Amino acid sequence: MAELVEIQEMIEKLRDKLHEISQGKTLTDTEVVRASQMLDVLLTEYQRMLNEKINK
């Protein structure tokens, strides 16, 4: 359970960072794309962890 809370916190921090980074930049800006990809990885991992917990 602690892992889920930890990854949720990481997701929220990265969402905030992505929002901050994207201000005044295009969605195809390298920095914006990189942060978005990192967020995608975290969200995918979070979903995998939830699925494992549900299927136990």
N, C-alpha and C. Protein backbone atom coordinates (compact mmCIF):
# COMPACT_ATOMS: atom_id res chain seq x y z
N MET A 1 0.82 -1.20 0.00
CA MET A 1 0.00 0.00 0.00
C MET A 1 0.86 1.26 0.00
N ALA A 2 1.97 1.22 0.73
CA ALA A 2 2.86 2.38 0.79
C ALA A 2 3.41 2.72 -0.59
N GLU A 3 3.66 1.68 -1.40
CA GLU A 3 4.17 1.91 -2.75
C GLU A 3 3.16 2.69 -3.59
N LEU A 4 1.87 2.38 -3.43
CA LEU A 4 0.84 3.08 -4.18
C LEU A 4 0.79 4.56 -3.79
N VAL A 5 0.88 4.82 -2.50
CA VAL A 5 0.86 6.21 -2.03
C VAL A 5 2.08 6.95 -2.55
N GLU A 6 3.22 6.28 -2.52
CA GLU A 6 4.46 6.90 -2.98
C GLU A 6 4.37 7.25 -4.47
N ILE A 7 3.87 6.33 -5.28
CA ILE A 7 3.78 6.60 -6.71
C ILE A 7 2.71 7.66 -7.00
N GLN A 8 1.65 7.70 -6.20
CA GLN A 8 0.64 8.75 -6.36
C GLN A 8 1.27 10.12 -6.12
N GLU A 9 2.09 10.23 -5.10
CA GLU A 9 2.77 11.49 -4.80
C GLU A 9 3.71 11.89 -5.93
N MET A 10 4.43 10.91 -6.48
CA MET A 10 5.33 11.18 -7.59
C MET A 10 4.55 11.66 -8.81
N ILE A 11 3.39 11.04 -9.06
CA ILE A 11 2.55 11.43 -10.19
C ILE A 11 2.08 12.87 -10.02
N GLU A 12 1.62 13.22 -8.84
CA GLU A 12 1.14 14.58 -8.60
C GLU A 12 2.26 15.61 -8.78
N LYS A 13 3.46 15.30 -8.28
CA LYS A 13 4.59 16.21 -8.42
C LYS A 13 4.96 16.38 -9.89
N LEU A 14 4.96 15.28 -10.63
CA LEU A 14 5.31 15.36 -12.04
C LEU A 14 4.23 16.07 -12.85
N ARG A 15 2.98 15.90 -12.48
CA ARG A 15 1.91 16.65 -13.14
C ARG A 15 2.09 18.15 -12.94
N ASP A 16 2.41 18.53 -11.71
CA ASP A 16 2.66 19.95 -11.42
C ASP A 16 3.85 20.46 -12.23
N LYS A 17 4.91 19.66 -12.28
CA LYS A 17 6.10 20.05 -13.03
C LYS A 17 5.78 20.17 -14.51
N LEU A 18 5.02 19.23 -15.05
CA LEU A 18 4.64 19.28 -16.46
C LEU A 18 3.83 20.54 -16.76
N HIS A 19 2.91 20.85 -15.88
CA HIS A 19 2.12 22.06 -16.07
C HIS A 19 3.02 23.30 -16.07
N GLU A 20 3.95 23.35 -15.15
CA GLU A 20 4.88 24.47 -15.04
C GLU A 20 5.77 24.56 -16.28
N ILE A 21 6.31 23.44 -16.71
CA ILE A 21 7.20 23.40 -17.86
C ILE A 21 6.47 23.84 -19.13
N SER A 22 5.22 23.43 -19.26
CA SER A 22 4.50 23.67 -20.52
C SER A 22 4.04 25.12 -20.70
N GLN A 23 4.11 25.91 -19.66
CA GLN A 23 3.69 27.31 -19.78
C GLN A 23 4.56 28.04 -20.81
N GLY A 24 3.91 28.56 -21.83
CA GLY A 24 4.61 29.33 -22.85
C GLY A 24 5.37 28.50 -23.86
N LYS A 25 5.21 27.18 -23.82
CA LYS A 25 5.90 26.30 -24.78
C LYS A 25 4.86 25.53 -25.57
N THR A 26 5.29 25.03 -26.70
CA THR A 26 4.39 24.19 -27.49
C THR A 26 4.36 22.79 -26.90
N LEU A 27 3.34 22.04 -27.23
CA LEU A 27 3.23 20.67 -26.72
C LEU A 27 4.27 19.74 -27.33
N THR A 28 4.91 20.17 -28.39
CA THR A 28 5.95 19.36 -29.02
C THR A 28 7.36 19.77 -28.59
N ASP A 29 7.46 20.73 -27.68
CA ASP A 29 8.75 21.12 -27.13
C ASP A 29 9.41 19.91 -26.47
N THR A 30 10.69 19.75 -26.69
CA THR A 30 11.42 18.57 -26.19
C THR A 30 11.25 18.37 -24.69
N GLU A 31 11.33 19.43 -23.93
CA GLU A 31 11.22 19.34 -22.47
C GLU A 31 9.81 18.92 -22.05
N VAL A 32 8.81 19.44 -22.74
CA VAL A 32 7.42 19.09 -22.44
C VAL A 32 7.17 17.62 -22.79
N VAL A 33 7.65 17.19 -23.94
CA VAL A 33 7.47 15.80 -24.36
C VAL A 33 8.15 14.86 -23.38
N ARG A 34 9.36 15.19 -22.97
CA ARG A 34 10.11 14.34 -22.03
C ARG A 34 9.36 14.20 -20.71
N ALA A 35 8.86 15.30 -20.17
CA ALA A 35 8.12 15.25 -18.90
C ALA A 35 6.82 14.46 -19.07
N SER A 36 6.16 14.62 -20.22
CA SER A 36 4.93 13.89 -20.49
C SER A 36 5.20 12.39 -20.57
N GLN A 37 6.29 12.01 -21.20
CA GLN A 37 6.66 10.60 -21.30
C GLN A 37 6.97 10.01 -19.93
N MET A 38 7.64 10.78 -19.09
CA MET A 38 7.93 10.32 -17.74
C MET A 38 6.64 10.11 -16.96
N LEU A 39 5.69 11.02 -17.12
CA LEU A 39 4.40 10.89 -16.46
C LEU A 39 3.67 9.65 -16.97
N ASP A 40 3.73 9.40 -18.26
CA ASP A 40 3.12 8.20 -18.84
C ASP A 40 3.67 6.92 -18.21
N VAL A 41 4.98 6.89 -18.02
CA VAL A 41 5.62 5.72 -17.40
C VAL A 41 5.09 5.51 -15.99
N LEU A 42 5.02 6.59 -15.22
CA LEU A 42 4.53 6.48 -13.84
C LEU A 42 3.07 6.05 -13.81
N LEU A 43 2.26 6.60 -14.69
CA LEU A 43 0.84 6.24 -14.72
C LEU A 43 0.66 4.77 -15.11
N THR A 44 1.46 4.30 -16.05
CA THR A 44 1.40 2.90 -16.46
C THR A 44 1.79 1.99 -15.30
N GLU A 45 2.84 2.35 -14.60
CA GLU A 45 3.28 1.56 -13.44
C GLU A 45 2.23 1.56 -12.34
N TYR A 46 1.62 2.71 -12.10
CA TYR A 46 0.57 2.81 -11.10
C TYR A 46 -0.61 1.90 -11.45
N GLN A 47 -1.00 1.91 -12.71
CA GLN A 47 -2.11 1.05 -13.16
C GLN A 47 -1.75 -0.42 -13.01
N ARG A 48 -0.50 -0.78 -13.34
CA ARG A 48 -0.05 -2.16 -13.18
C ARG A 48 -0.13 -2.59 -11.72
N MET A 49 0.31 -1.71 -10.83
CA MET A 49 0.29 -2.03 -9.40
C MET A 49 -1.15 -2.19 -8.91
N LEU A 50 -2.04 -1.34 -9.38
CA LEU A 50 -3.45 -1.45 -8.98
C LEU A 50 -4.04 -2.77 -9.47
N ASN A 51 -3.75 -3.12 -10.70
CA ASN A 51 -4.26 -4.37 -11.26
C ASN A 51 -3.76 -5.58 -10.47
N GLU A 52 -2.49 -5.57 -10.10
CA GLU A 52 -1.94 -6.65 -9.30
C GLU A 52 -2.65 -6.75 -7.95
N LYS A 53 -2.90 -5.62 -7.34
CA LYS A 53 -3.58 -5.59 -6.04
C LYS A 53 -5.01 -6.13 -6.16
N ILE A 54 -5.71 -5.74 -7.20
CA ILE A 54 -7.08 -6.18 -7.42
C ILE A 54 -7.16 -7.67 -7.70
N ASN A 55 -6.20 -8.19 -8.46
CA ASN A 55 -6.23 -9.58 -8.88
C ASN A 55 -5.65 -10.55 -7.86
N LYS A 56 -5.27 -10.08 -6.71
CA LYS A 56 -4.73 -10.97 -5.67
C LYS A 56 -5.82 -11.71 -4.97
